Each structure stands twice: as structure tokens, then as C-alpha cells.
C-alpha atoms as a PDB file:
ATOM      1  CA  MET A   1     110.756 126.514  55.503  1.00  0.00           C
ATOM      2  CA  LYS A   2     113.359 124.854  57.700  1.00  0.00           C
ATOM      3  CA  ALA A   3     114.969 126.997  60.371  1.00  0.00           C
ATOM      4  CA  LEU A   4     117.249 126.445  63.352  1.00  0.00           C
ATOM      5  CA  ILE A   5     115.790 128.512  66.165  1.00  0.00           C
ATOM      6  CA  PHE A   6     116.333 129.266  69.806  1.00  0.00           C
ATOM      7  CA  ASP A   7     113.212 129.635  71.925  1.00  0.00           C
ATOM      8  CA  ASN A   8     113.675 128.204  75.414  1.00  0.00           C
ATOM      9  CA  GLY A   9     115.876 125.605  73.756  1.00  0.00           C
ATOM     10  CA  LEU A  10     117.591 124.942  70.440  1.00  0.00           C
ATOM     11  CA  LYS A  11     115.439 123.187  67.864  1.00  0.00           C
ATOM     12  CA  LEU A  12     114.978 122.563  64.155  1.00  0.00           C
ATOM     13  CA  ASP A  13     111.596 123.845  62.975  1.00  0.00           C
ATOM     14  CA  GLU A  14     110.627 122.374  59.599  1.00  0.00           C
ATOM     15  CA  ASN A  15     107.601 124.664  59.165  1.00  0.00           C
ATOM     16  CA  TYR A  16     108.923 128.041  60.251  1.00  0.00           C
ATOM     17  CA  LYS A  17     107.297 131.145  58.783  1.00  0.00           C
ATOM     18  CA  GLU A  18     108.988 132.498  55.642  1.00  0.00           C
ATOM     19  CA  PRO A  19     110.498 135.994  55.917  1.00  0.00           C
ATOM     20  CA  THR A  20     108.777 139.080  54.523  1.00  0.00           C
ATOM     21  CA  MET A  21     110.778 141.765  52.754  1.00  0.00           C
ATOM     22  CA  LYS A  22     110.414 145.462  53.464  1.00  0.00           C
ATOM     23  CA  ALA A  23     111.622 148.472  51.464  1.00  0.00           C
ATOM     24  CA  GLY A  24     115.302 148.128  50.560  1.00  0.00           C
ATOM     25  CA  ASP A  25     115.493 144.420  51.376  1.00  0.00           C
ATOM     26  CA  ALA A  26     116.744 141.400  49.477  1.00  0.00           C
ATOM     27  CA  LEU A  27     115.433 137.876  49.962  1.00  0.00           C
ATOM     28  CA  ILE A  28     118.399 135.511  50.211  1.00  0.00           C
ATOM     29  CA  LYS A  29     118.495 131.741  49.798  1.00  0.00           C
ATOM     30  CA  THR A  30     121.112 130.415  52.210  1.00  0.00           C
ATOM     31  CA  THR A  31     123.820 128.118  50.848  1.00  0.00           C
ATOM     32  CA  LEU A  32     126.299 127.850  53.755  1.00  0.00           C
ATOM     33  CA  CYS A  33     126.224 129.138  57.319  1.00  0.00           C
ATOM     34  CA  GLY A  34     128.868 128.970  60.043  1.00  0.00           C
ATOM     35  CA  ILE A  35     128.297 128.258  63.721  1.00  0.00           C
ATOM     36  CA  CYS A  36     129.910 130.921  65.900  1.00  0.00           C
ATOM     37  CA  ASN A  37     130.558 131.018  69.634  1.00  0.00           C
ATOM     38  CA  THR A  38     128.150 133.961  69.794  1.00  0.00           C
ATOM     39  CA  ASP A  39     125.400 131.597  68.611  1.00  0.00           C
ATOM     40  CA  GLU A  40     126.312 129.273  71.458  1.00  0.00           C
ATOM     41  CA  GLU A  41     126.208 132.138  73.967  1.00  0.00           C
ATOM     42  CA  ILE A  42     122.714 133.090  72.773  1.00  0.00           C
ATOM     43  CA  THR A  43     121.529 129.597  73.707  1.00  0.00           C
ATOM     44  CA  LYS A  44     122.759 130.413  77.239  1.00  0.00           C
ATOM     45  CA  GLY A  45     120.746 133.633  77.397  1.00  0.00           C
ATOM     46  CA  TYR A  46     123.098 136.200  75.831  1.00  0.00           C
ATOM     47  CA  MET A  47     121.194 139.296  74.587  1.00  0.00           C
ATOM     48  CA  GLY A  48     117.876 137.680  75.513  1.00  0.00           C
ATOM     49  CA  TYR A  49     117.387 136.815  71.845  1.00  0.00           C
ATOM     50  CA  LYS A  50     114.772 134.344  70.600  1.00  0.00           C
ATOM     51  CA  GLY A  51     114.235 133.340  66.984  1.00  0.00           C
ATOM     52  CA  VAL A  52     116.326 132.154  64.033  1.00  0.00           C
ATOM     53  CA  LEU A  53     120.020 132.059  64.938  1.00  0.00           C
ATOM     54  CA  GLY A  54     123.046 132.671  62.732  1.00  0.00           C
ATOM     55  CA  HIS A  55     124.976 135.567  61.198  1.00  0.00           C
ATOM     56  CA  GLU A  56     127.795 133.931  59.168  1.00  0.00           C
ATOM     57  CA  PHE A  57     126.531 132.967  55.700  1.00  0.00           C
ATOM     58  CA  THR A  58     126.814 132.743  51.970  1.00  0.00           C
ATOM     59  CA  GLY A  59     123.693 132.856  49.843  1.00  0.00           C
ATOM     60  CA  VAL A  60     122.073 133.718  46.527  1.00  0.00           C
ATOM     61  CA  VAL A  61     119.694 136.656  46.103  1.00  0.00           C
ATOM     62  CA  GLN A  62     116.261 135.330  45.110  1.00  0.00           C
ATOM     63  CA  ASP A  63     114.230 138.540  45.067  1.00  0.00           C
ATOM     64  CA  VAL A  64     114.349 142.228  45.993  1.00  0.00           C
ATOM     65  CA  PHE A  65     111.728 144.657  47.245  1.00  0.00           C
ATOM     66  CA  ASN A  66     112.740 147.649  45.104  1.00  0.00           C
ATOM     67  CA  SER A  67     112.784 147.355  41.313  1.00  0.00           C
ATOM     68  CA  GLN A  68     116.014 149.374  41.050  1.00  0.00           C
ATOM     69  CA  ASP A  69     117.792 146.568  42.932  1.00  0.00           C
ATOM     70  CA  GLU A  70     116.841 143.794  40.485  1.00  0.00           C
ATOM     71  CA  GLY A  71     120.447 143.554  39.271  1.00  0.00           C
ATOM     72  CA  TRP A  72     121.243 141.725  42.530  1.00  0.00           C
ATOM     73  CA  ILE A  73     118.953 138.793  41.726  1.00  0.00           C
ATOM     74  CA  GLY A  74     120.977 135.622  41.122  1.00  0.00           C
ATOM     75  CA  LYS A  75     124.212 136.976  42.646  1.00  0.00           C
ATOM     76  CA  ARG A  76     126.212 135.041  45.254  1.00  0.00           C
ATOM     77  CA  VAL A  77     126.511 137.261  48.291  1.00  0.00           C
ATOM     78  CA  VAL A  78     127.644 137.751  51.837  1.00  0.00           C
ATOM     79  CA  GLY A  79     126.286 140.548  53.997  1.00  0.00           C
ATOM     80  CA  GLU A  80     127.243 142.788  56.878  1.00  0.00           C
ATOM     81  CA  ILE A  81     125.173 141.766  59.857  1.00  0.00           C
ATOM     82  CA  ASN A  82     124.105 145.112  61.358  1.00  0.00           C
ATOM     83  CA  ALA A  83     121.076 146.791  59.793  1.00  0.00           C
ATOM     84  CA  GLY A  84     120.843 150.389  60.995  1.00  0.00           C
ATOM     85  CA  CYS A  85     117.928 152.802  60.958  1.00  0.00           C
ATOM     86  CA  LYS A  86     119.646 154.932  58.237  1.00  0.00           C
ATOM     87  CA  LYS A  87     118.367 158.052  59.997  1.00  0.00           C
ATOM     88  CA  CYS A  88     120.771 158.668  62.875  1.00  0.00           C
ATOM     89  CA  THR A  89     124.208 160.309  62.934  1.00  0.00           C
ATOM     90  CA  TRP A  90     125.944 156.928  63.286  1.00  0.00           C
ATOM     91  CA  CYS A  91     124.330 155.620  60.091  1.00  0.00           C
ATOM     92  CA  ALA A  92     125.180 158.897  58.305  1.00  0.00           C
ATOM     93  CA  ARG A  93     128.842 158.281  59.186  1.00  0.00           C
ATOM     94  CA  GLY A  94     128.745 154.737  57.751  1.00  0.00           C
ATOM     95  CA  LEU A  95     128.774 153.176  61.220  1.00  0.00           C
ATOM     96  CA  GLU A  96     125.501 151.248  61.158  1.00  0.00           C
ATOM     97  CA  ARG A  97     127.120 148.682  63.444  1.00  0.00           C
ATOM     98  CA  HIS A  98     126.805 151.319  66.208  1.00  0.00           C
ATOM     99  CA  CYS A  99     123.307 152.522  65.352  1.00  0.00           C
ATOM    100  CA  PRO A 100     121.290 152.550  68.612  1.00  0.00           C
ATOM    101  CA  ASN A 101     118.245 151.279  66.706  1.00  0.00           C
ATOM    102  CA  ARG A 102     119.997 148.582  64.684  1.00  0.00           C
ATOM    103  CA  GLY A 103     118.982 145.012  64.168  1.00  0.00           C
ATOM    104  CA  THR A 104     121.817 142.492  64.199  1.00  0.00           C
ATOM    105  CA  LEU A 105     121.353 139.329  62.159  1.00  0.00           C
ATOM    106  CA  GLY A 106     120.509 136.409  64.437  1.00  0.00           C
ATOM    107  CA  ILE A 107     121.637 138.310  67.529  1.00  0.00           C
ATOM    108  CA  TRP A 108     119.332 141.241  68.210  1.00  0.00           C
ATOM    109  CA  GLN A 109     115.971 142.254  66.752  1.00  0.00           C
ATOM    110  CA  LYS A 110     116.537 140.541  63.389  1.00  0.00           C
ATOM    111  CA  GLU A 111     115.976 136.913  62.373  1.00  0.00           C
ATOM    112  CA  GLY A 112     119.208 135.153  61.426  1.00  0.00           C
ATOM    113  CA  CYS A 113     120.526 133.079  58.541  1.00  0.00           C
ATOM    114  CA  PHE A 114     120.124 129.553  59.975  1.00  0.00           C
ATOM    115  CA  SER A 115     117.149 129.028  57.670  1.00  0.00           C
ATOM    116  CA  GLU A 116     116.433 128.324  54.026  1.00  0.00           C
ATOM    117  CA  TYR A 117     115.624 131.998  53.403  1.00  0.00           C
ATOM    118  CA  PHE A 118     116.210 135.293  55.223  1.00  0.00           C
ATOM    119  CA  THR A 119     116.316 139.006  54.448  1.00  0.00           C
ATOM    120  CA  LEU A 120     118.938 141.739  54.631  1.00  0.00           C
ATOM    121  CA  PRO A 121     119.043 145.272  53.243  1.00  0.00           C
ATOM    122  CA  VAL A 122     120.582 145.342  49.763  1.00  0.00           C
ATOM    123  CA  SER A 123     122.956 148.017  51.071  1.00  0.00           C
ATOM    124  CA  ASN A 124     124.464 145.382  53.398  1.00  0.00           C
ATOM    125  CA  LEU A 125     125.329 142.960  50.588  1.00  0.00           C
ATOM    126  CA  LEU A 126     128.670 142.260  48.953  1.00  0.00           C
ATOM    127  CA  GLU A 127     128.984 140.091  45.856  1.00  0.00           C
ATOM    128  CA  ILE A 128     131.322 137.112  46.152  1.00  0.00           C
ATOM    129  CA  PRO A 129     134.001 137.141  43.405  1.00  0.00           C
ATOM    130  CA  GLU A 130     134.059 134.184  41.022  1.00  0.00           C
ATOM    131  CA  ASN A 131     137.388 132.880  42.316  1.00  0.00           C
ATOM    132  CA  VAL A 132     136.273 132.863  45.974  1.00  0.00           C
ATOM    133  CA  SER A 133     134.413 129.706  47.014  1.00  0.00           C
ATOM    134  CA  ASP A 134     131.445 129.624  49.363  1.00  0.00           C
ATOM    135  CA  GLU A 135     133.621 127.688  51.834  1.00  0.00           C
ATOM    136  CA  GLU A 136     136.017 130.657  51.908  1.00  0.00           C
ATOM    137  CA  ALA A 137     133.417 133.424  51.805  1.00  0.00           C
ATOM    138  CA  VAL A 138     131.458 132.049  54.777  1.00  0.00           C
ATOM    139  CA  PHE A 139     134.401 133.203  56.946  1.00  0.00           C
ATOM    140  CA  ILE A 140     134.040 136.830  55.850  1.00  0.00           C
ATOM    141  CA  GLU A 141     132.270 138.016  59.028  1.00  0.00           C
ATOM    142  CA  PRO A 142     134.854 136.791  61.576  1.00  0.00           C
ATOM    143  CA  LEU A 143     137.701 137.835  59.268  1.00  0.00           C
ATOM    144  CA  ALA A 144     136.190 141.301  58.950  1.00  0.00           C
ATOM    145  CA  ALA A 145     135.995 141.505  62.743  1.00  0.00           C
ATOM    146  CA  ALA A 146     139.727 140.775  62.751  1.00  0.00           C
ATOM    147  CA  TYR A 147     140.416 143.472  60.137  1.00  0.00           C
ATOM    148  CA  GLU A 148     138.554 145.991  62.298  1.00  0.00           C
ATOM    149  CA  ILE A 149     141.710 146.199  64.435  1.00  0.00           C
ATOM    150  CA  ILE A 150     143.531 147.867  61.529  1.00  0.00           C
ATOM    151  CA  GLU A 151     140.757 150.430  61.168  1.00  0.00           C
ATOM    152  CA  GLN A 152     140.949 151.340  64.841  1.00  0.00           C
ATOM    153  CA  VAL A 153     144.659 151.099  65.664  1.00  0.00           C
ATOM    154  CA  HIS A 154     147.647 152.389  63.696  1.00  0.00           C
ATOM    155  CA  ILE A 155     150.201 149.564  63.895  1.00  0.00           C
ATOM    156  CA  LYS A 156     153.581 150.869  62.813  1.00  0.00           C
ATOM    157  CA  PRO A 157     155.952 148.656  60.770  1.00  0.00           C
ATOM    158  CA  THR A 158     158.353 148.533  63.718  1.00  0.00           C
ATOM    159  CA  ASP A 159     155.723 147.613  66.309  1.00  0.00           C
ATOM    160  CA  LYS A 160     155.883 144.255  68.028  1.00  0.00           C
ATOM    161  CA  VAL A 161     152.404 142.759  68.334  1.00  0.00           C
ATOM    162  CA  ALA A 162     151.253 139.942  70.603  1.00  0.00           C
ATOM    163  CA  LEU A 163     148.021 138.043  69.959  1.00  0.00           C
ATOM    164  CA  LEU A 164     146.611 135.999  72.852  1.00  0.00           C
ATOM    165  CA  GLY A 165     144.163 133.179  72.161  1.00  0.00           C
ATOM    166  CA  ASP A 166     144.235 130.318  69.651  1.00  0.00           C
ATOM    167  CA  GLY A 167     140.522 129.631  69.249  1.00  0.00           C
ATOM    168  CA  LYS A 168     138.398 130.539  66.228  1.00  0.00           C
ATOM    169  CA  LEU A 169     138.643 134.266  66.923  1.00  0.00           C
ATOM    170  CA  GLY A 170     142.358 134.272  67.585  1.00  0.00           C
ATOM    171  CA  LEU A 171     143.132 132.262  64.476  1.00  0.00           C
ATOM    172  CA  SER A 172     140.964 134.534  62.319  1.00  0.00           C
ATOM    173  CA  ILE A 173     142.935 137.519  63.600  1.00  0.00           C
ATOM    174  CA  ALA A 174     146.213 135.688  63.009  1.00  0.00           C
ATOM    175  CA  LEU A 175     145.340 134.922  59.374  1.00  0.00           C
ATOM    176  CA  VAL A 176     144.291 138.491  58.600  1.00  0.00           C
ATOM    177  CA  LEU A 177     147.205 140.238  60.300  1.00  0.00           C
ATOM    178  CA  GLY A 178     149.628 137.683  58.889  1.00  0.00           C
ATOM    179  CA  ALA A 179     148.338 138.487  55.401  1.00  0.00           C
ATOM    180  CA  LEU A 180     149.096 142.148  56.112  1.00  0.00           C
ATOM    181  CA  ASN A 181     152.725 141.334  57.042  1.00  0.00           C
ATOM    182  CA  ILE A 182     152.439 142.564  60.631  1.00  0.00           C
ATOM    183  CA  ASP A 183     155.077 141.360  63.114  1.00  0.00           C
ATOM    184  CA  ILE A 184     152.955 139.058  65.285  1.00  0.00           C
ATOM    185  CA  THR A 185     153.807 136.673  68.082  1.00  0.00           C
ATOM    186  CA  HIS A 186     150.773 134.435  68.478  1.00  0.00           C
ATOM    187  CA  ILE A 187     150.463 133.060  72.008  1.00  0.00           C
ATOM    188  CA  GLY A 188     148.200 130.154  72.897  1.00  0.00           C
ATOM    189  CA  LYS A 189     147.812 126.864  74.743  1.00  0.00           C
ATOM    190  CA  HIS A 190     147.548 124.439  71.800  1.00  0.00           C
ATOM    191  CA  GLN A 191     150.507 123.827  69.512  1.00  0.00           C
ATOM    192  CA  ASN A 192     148.352 122.245  66.791  1.00  0.00           C
ATOM    193  CA  LYS A 193     146.286 125.435  66.542  1.00  0.00           C
ATOM    194  CA  LEU A 194     149.338 127.677  66.688  1.00  0.00           C
ATOM    195  CA  ASP A 195     150.734 125.697  63.759  1.00  0.00           C
ATOM    196  CA  ILE A 196     147.872 127.076  61.628  1.00  0.00           C
ATOM    197  CA  SER A 197     148.989 130.580  62.578  1.00  0.00           C
ATOM    198  CA  ALA A 198     152.619 129.709  61.820  1.00  0.00           C
ATOM    199  CA  SER A 199     151.596 128.613  58.320  1.00  0.00           C
ATOM    200  CA  ALA A 200     150.459 132.225  57.744  1.00  0.00           C
ATOM    201  CA  GLY A 201     153.980 133.436  58.578  1.00  0.00           C
ATOM    202  CA  ASN A 202     153.444 134.334  62.228  1.00  0.00           C
ATOM    203  CA  LYS A 203     155.767 133.618  65.130  1.00  0.00           C
ATOM    204  CA  THR A 204     154.120 131.438  67.778  1.00  0.00           C
ATOM    205  CA  LEU A 205     154.689 130.802  71.447  1.00  0.00           C
ATOM    206  CA  LEU A 206     153.043 128.577  74.021  1.00  0.00           C
ATOM    207  CA  LEU A 207     151.581 130.495  76.951  1.00  0.00           C
ATOM    208  CA  GLU A 208     153.793 128.620  79.399  1.00  0.00           C
ATOM    209  CA  ASP A 209     156.867 130.104  77.696  1.00  0.00           C
ATOM    210  CA  THR A 210     155.976 133.798  78.071  1.00  0.00           C
ATOM    211  CA  ALA A 211     157.516 134.446  81.495  1.00  0.00           C
ATOM    212  CA  GLY A 212     160.413 136.493  80.114  1.00  0.00           C
ATOM    213  CA  LEU A 213     158.295 138.794  77.949  1.00  0.00           C
ATOM    214  CA  ARG A 214     156.888 141.166  80.566  1.00  0.00           C
ATOM    215  CA  GLN A 215     156.141 144.618  79.059  1.00  0.00           C
ATOM    216  CA  PHE A 216     157.672 143.540  75.735  1.00  0.00           C
ATOM    217  CA  PHE A 217     154.992 144.376  73.132  1.00  0.00           C
ATOM    218  CA  ASP A 218     153.786 147.665  71.690  1.00  0.00           C
ATOM    219  CA  VAL A 219     150.341 146.260  70.901  1.00  0.00           C
ATOM    220  CA  VAL A 220     148.625 143.296  72.568  1.00  0.00           C
ATOM    221  CA  ILE A 221     145.419 141.795  71.172  1.00  0.00           C
ATOM    222  CA  GLU A 222     143.352 139.829  73.686  1.00  0.00           C
ATOM    223  CA  ALA A 223     141.199 137.111  72.088  1.00  0.00           C
ATOM    224  CA  THR A 224     140.901 134.565  74.906  1.00  0.00           C
ATOM    225  CA  GLY A 225     137.692 135.802  76.519  1.00  0.00           C
ATOM    226  CA  SER A 226     139.096 134.949  79.945  1.00  0.00           C
ATOM    227  CA  LYS A 227     140.104 136.919  83.002  1.00  0.00           C
ATOM    228  CA  GLY A 228     143.510 135.203  82.931  1.00  0.00           C
ATOM    229  CA  GLY A 229     144.023 136.209  79.311  1.00  0.00           C
ATOM    230  CA  PHE A 230     143.241 139.822  80.158  1.00  0.00           C
ATOM    231  CA  GLU A 231     145.691 139.831  83.055  1.00  0.00           C
ATOM    232  CA  THR A 232     148.416 138.215  80.914  1.00  0.00           C
ATOM    233  CA  SER A 233     147.808 140.844  78.244  1.00  0.00           C
ATOM    234  CA  LEU A 234     148.378 143.633  80.759  1.00  0.00           C
ATOM    235  CA  ASN A 235     151.661 142.004  81.754  1.00  0.00           C
ATOM    236  CA  LEU A 236     152.843 141.802  78.140  1.00  0.00           C
ATOM    237  CA  VAL A 237     152.055 145.311  76.910  1.00  0.00           C
ATOM    238  CA  LYS A 238     154.651 148.073  77.250  1.00  0.00           C
ATOM    239  CA  PRO A 239     153.938 151.222  79.249  1.00  0.00           C
ATOM    240  CA  ARG A 240     151.919 153.570  77.004  1.00  0.00           C
ATOM    241  CA  GLY A 241     151.200 150.618  74.738  1.00  0.00           C
ATOM    242  CA  ILE A 242     147.845 149.565  73.311  1.00  0.00           C
ATOM    243  CA  LEU A 243     145.630 146.721  74.501  1.00  0.00           C
ATOM    244  CA  VAL A 244     142.933 145.646  72.016  1.00  0.00           C
ATOM    245  CA  LEU A 245     140.036 143.659  73.485  1.00  0.00           C
ATOM    246  CA  LYS A 246     138.441 141.436  70.836  1.00  0.00           C
ATOM    247  CA  SER A 247     136.436 139.249  73.205  1.00  0.00           C
ATOM    248  CA  THR A 248     133.993 139.984  75.979  1.00  0.00           C
ATOM    249  CA  ILE A 249     135.217 138.899  79.401  1.00  0.00           C
ATOM    250  CA  ALA A 250     132.816 137.585  82.004  1.00  0.00           C
ATOM    251  CA  ALA A 251     134.461 137.396  85.417  1.00  0.00           C
ATOM    252  CA  ASN A 252     132.846 136.522  88.734  1.00  0.00           C
ATOM    253  CA  GLU A 253     135.674 138.301  90.498  1.00  0.00           C
ATOM    254  CA  GLY A 254     136.851 141.834  89.864  1.00  0.00           C
ATOM    255  CA  LEU A 255     139.514 142.634  87.299  1.00  0.00           C
ATOM    256  CA  ASN A 256     142.630 144.445  88.517  1.00  0.00           C
ATOM    257  CA  LEU A 257     142.748 147.546  86.315  1.00  0.00           C
ATOM    258  CA  ALA A 258     145.537 149.286  88.257  1.00  0.00           C
ATOM    259  CA  PRO A 259     148.180 148.449  85.585  1.00  0.00           C
ATOM    260  CA  VAL A 260     146.066 150.293  82.984  1.00  0.00           C
ATOM    261  CA  VAL A 261     146.475 153.487  85.001  1.00  0.00           C
ATOM    262  CA  ILE A 262     150.019 152.930  86.274  1.00  0.00           C
ATOM    263  CA  ASN A 263     151.411 152.065  82.832  1.00  0.00           C
ATOM    264  CA  GLU A 264     149.102 154.487  80.952  1.00  0.00           C
ATOM    265  CA  ILE A 265     147.763 151.748  78.685  1.00  0.00           C
ATOM    266  CA  THR A 266     145.328 152.638  75.926  1.00  0.00           C
ATOM    267  CA  VAL A 267     142.484 150.074  75.899  1.00  0.00           C
ATOM    268  CA  VAL A 268     140.528 149.661  72.660  1.00  0.00           C
ATOM    269  CA  GLY A 269     137.337 147.639  72.367  1.00  0.00           C
ATOM    270  CA  SER A 270     136.959 146.068  68.918  1.00  0.00           C
ATOM    271  CA  ARG A 271     133.904 144.331  67.451  1.00  0.00           C
ATOM    272  CA  CYS A 272     132.504 144.126  63.888  1.00  0.00           C
ATOM    273  CA  GLY A 273     134.365 145.212  60.759  1.00  0.00           C
ATOM    274  CA  GLN A 274     133.893 146.032  57.096  1.00  0.00           C
ATOM    275  CA  PHE A 275     133.715 143.166  54.624  1.00  0.00           C
ATOM    276  CA  ALA A 276     135.205 144.641  51.441  1.00  0.00           C
ATOM    277  CA  PRO A 277     138.897 144.818  52.531  1.00  0.00           C
ATOM    278  CA  VAL A 278     138.840 141.181  53.661  1.00  0.00           C
ATOM    279  CA  MET A 279     137.107 140.044  50.479  1.00  0.00           C
ATOM    280  CA  ARG A 280     139.994 141.555  48.503  1.00  0.00           C
ATOM    281  CA  LEU A 281     142.445 139.494  50.579  1.00  0.00           C
ATOM    282  CA  LEU A 282     140.431 136.323  49.873  1.00  0.00           C
ATOM    283  CA  GLU A 283     140.213 137.206  46.180  1.00  0.00           C
ATOM    284  CA  ARG A 284     144.012 137.525  46.009  1.00  0.00           C
ATOM    285  CA  GLY A 285     144.482 134.209  47.827  1.00  0.00           C
ATOM    286  CA  ALA A 286     146.254 135.938  50.720  1.00  0.00           C
ATOM    287  CA  ILE A 287     144.271 134.044  53.377  1.00  0.00           C
ATOM    288  CA  ASP A 288     143.818 130.270  53.577  1.00  0.00           C
ATOM    289  CA  VAL A 289     140.814 129.432  55.752  1.00  0.00           C
ATOM    290  CA  LYS A 290     140.656 125.727  54.903  1.00  0.00           C
ATOM    291  CA  PRO A 291     142.609 124.637  58.027  1.00  0.00           C
ATOM    292  CA  LEU A 292     139.890 126.250  60.159  1.00  0.00           C
ATOM    293  CA  ILE A 293     137.115 123.992  58.840  1.00  0.00           C
ATOM    294  CA  THR A 294     136.459 121.116  61.230  1.00  0.00           C
ATOM    295  CA  LYS A 295     133.270 119.774  59.629  1.00  0.00           C
ATOM    296  CA  ILE A 296     130.651 120.587  57.000  1.00  0.00           C
ATOM    297  CA  LEU A 297     127.275 119.112  57.947  1.00  0.00           C
ATOM    298  CA  PRO A 298     123.849 119.048  56.295  1.00  0.00           C
ATOM    299  CA  PHE A 299     121.601 121.796  57.643  1.00  0.00           C
ATOM    300  CA  GLU A 300     119.292 119.169  59.125  1.00  0.00           C
ATOM    301  CA  ASP A 301     122.173 118.167  61.434  1.00  0.00           C
ATOM    302  CA  GLY A 302     122.417 121.665  62.903  1.00  0.00           C
ATOM    303  CA  ILE A 303     121.841 120.584  66.488  1.00  0.00           C
ATOM    304  CA  ARG A 304     124.637 118.031  66.137  1.00  0.00           C
ATOM    305  CA  GLY A 305     126.731 120.875  64.720  1.00  0.00           C
ATOM    306  CA  PHE A 306     126.222 122.848  67.941  1.00  0.00           C
ATOM    307  CA  GLU A 307     127.250 119.797  69.961  1.00  0.00           C
ATOM    308  CA  LEU A 308     130.400 119.460  67.881  1.00  0.00           C
ATOM    309  CA  ASN A 309     131.109 123.185  68.243  1.00  0.00           C
ATOM    310  CA  ARG A 310     131.282 122.741  72.022  1.00  0.00           C
ATOM    311  CA  GLN A 311     134.119 120.218  71.777  1.00  0.00           C
ATOM    312  CA  LYS A 312     137.537 121.486  72.760  1.00  0.00           C
ATOM    313  CA  ASP A 313     139.375 120.823  69.492  1.00  0.00           C
ATOM    314  CA  THR A 314     136.633 122.095  67.165  1.00  0.00           C
ATOM    315  CA  LEU A 315     137.329 125.204  65.125  1.00  0.00           C
ATOM    316  CA  LYS A 316     134.606 125.932  62.552  1.00  0.00           C
ATOM    317  CA  VAL A 317     131.474 123.878  61.905  1.00  0.00           C
ATOM    318  CA  ILE A 318     129.648 124.829  58.701  1.00  0.00           C
ATOM    319  CA  LEU A 319     126.084 123.894  57.807  1.00  0.00           C
ATOM    320  CA  LYS A 320     125.183 123.289  54.158  1.00  0.00           C
ATOM    321  CA  VAL A 321     121.596 124.280  53.372  1.00  0.00           C
END
């Protein structure tokens, strides 16, 4: 089968080994897959992963290992990307994404979805409703990561929320929180991207215009992935406010964490989220992801898709298998 792999370089392998199911698995035929910045980071050495890339997908179940799961065959699906051991206390609490022995699709210890076929546990799958297109459903993973904020942080109706960052991650968060009618001021560097957020009902502000907003917001969500974005976030959050970190920050120089202590800021790390709540929003038409699609390319053009993903104005590149 064809697969886009990373092994001391990114390459398209047209004769890659087909996946083998184990107990509880489904074999999925990929239809669409989205290129994520995490995929790009893996090609730079992140996680030390080698193999088939990709974790954002839509697909159709072709086969299952267990006979009791045969009802899944032929269904259009998406799937949560963390496959836990199902034996530890984290898995017992429904938090497989924190299982210490997990495999994460295309990121850690589990081959990804940038291939014609791949496997996931049936328990990870969610059927795509008839009125949700593949082009919408392929965004479910980043949108679920955005919804995770609501699971972790109680945002009161009166809270003022700032969101920093207008890239793919920031815009995904803006669309989800906008659909939930949260009072957001979306701050970024690119007016054309902020306009997408504004179309979801959010207030927007260019970063250069934030000077008068010091310690103004109850909750600040950092989605820039930069040291400067982190420092700006600390300036914007009120004393005893909440700072949500949605992106990892790699800094060659130390971060000044004194304001966290002085202003008694609660810092919350936020990663993967549950798919079902976001799927309901898509099913109701509450989120419009179409403005996020920069290009849909044939799977065979996957390497060109990565090149396009690196360009400054690119949002989402999707590969059609």
C-alpha cells in the first residue's frame, strides 16, 4: 500500500507493509487526512518517531478483528488518537490519552493514518453523521483539542477571555469557543486570519493594539507556541486568573515565571480532547471549518502538501486518499 512515512527523511513509500489487526481493532480505509504542525515537528525529530505519520483523518471501516464489532464495517468514522493499555487506572477513568503505556496515532508507538489503510481500536471510533461531510469531519481532532479547554476550566458567563494566536490551533479554538457563545477577544498578528474568527462572532484585536489591556482578562488561552506569546499572556491575565497553555513552547532562553507567583496565576496545560461533543456541534452546523481549508491535494502529492504547510499563510492542507 501507499504510505507517507518519516524515516531519516519524509518520503512516499508505494509498497509499505499493510497493517495487521489485533484483538479489538478495526481496519480503516483512509479517505481524507489533514497535515498538522505536529507532523511537521516529527520530521524535525519531535518524539523520536519513525514510521507512518498522521493523526487527523476520516475513513471507512473495512474489517474488524472481533465478530461482535462487525456492525462497524462500512461506517464512515473518525477516531480518537490515543490507544491506551486498558489496564491502568488512567484507562479505567476514561483518560486513555494519559495512559503511560499508550500508543498515539502517527506520533508515538503507533503507525499513523497517512496511508491507504491503518488500524485503531473500535473503542476509539466515532461514526460520522450523515449531514457532516468528510471535509468537516477531518477537523474533529484539532477541534476536540480546543473543546478540551471547557472540560478543564470552568469559564463563567461573565468571564472575559483572551485567545492569543491566529494559526491553525488558535482558529480552531476560536471556532469552538465562539460556537459556545463565550466572550472571546481573539488576538493575533494577521487581520485576514482574525476575520475568520470574527465570522464566528468573536471580537478580534491585532497584537500591536493590546498595550492598554494589561491584567484585563479572567482567562487567557495561549496558542502561539512562542516565548513572546507566553509573556504577553502573563501580562493580559488578571491576578488570580487562569492561563491555559495549548501549545508547547521551546525557548532557548529562560522564561520569567515570577508573574505566575506574584499574581497567583493558575496555569493549566491542555492537550487532546473528546470527539463526541465537537461532533454534535458540527452536526448542528454550529462550526464552519471551510475557511480553514487552504488546499486539498491527492495523497500522492503529500510531500508537496508538507511544503505548502510550511508557508506562512497556509492554514489546513488536506490529502485525499
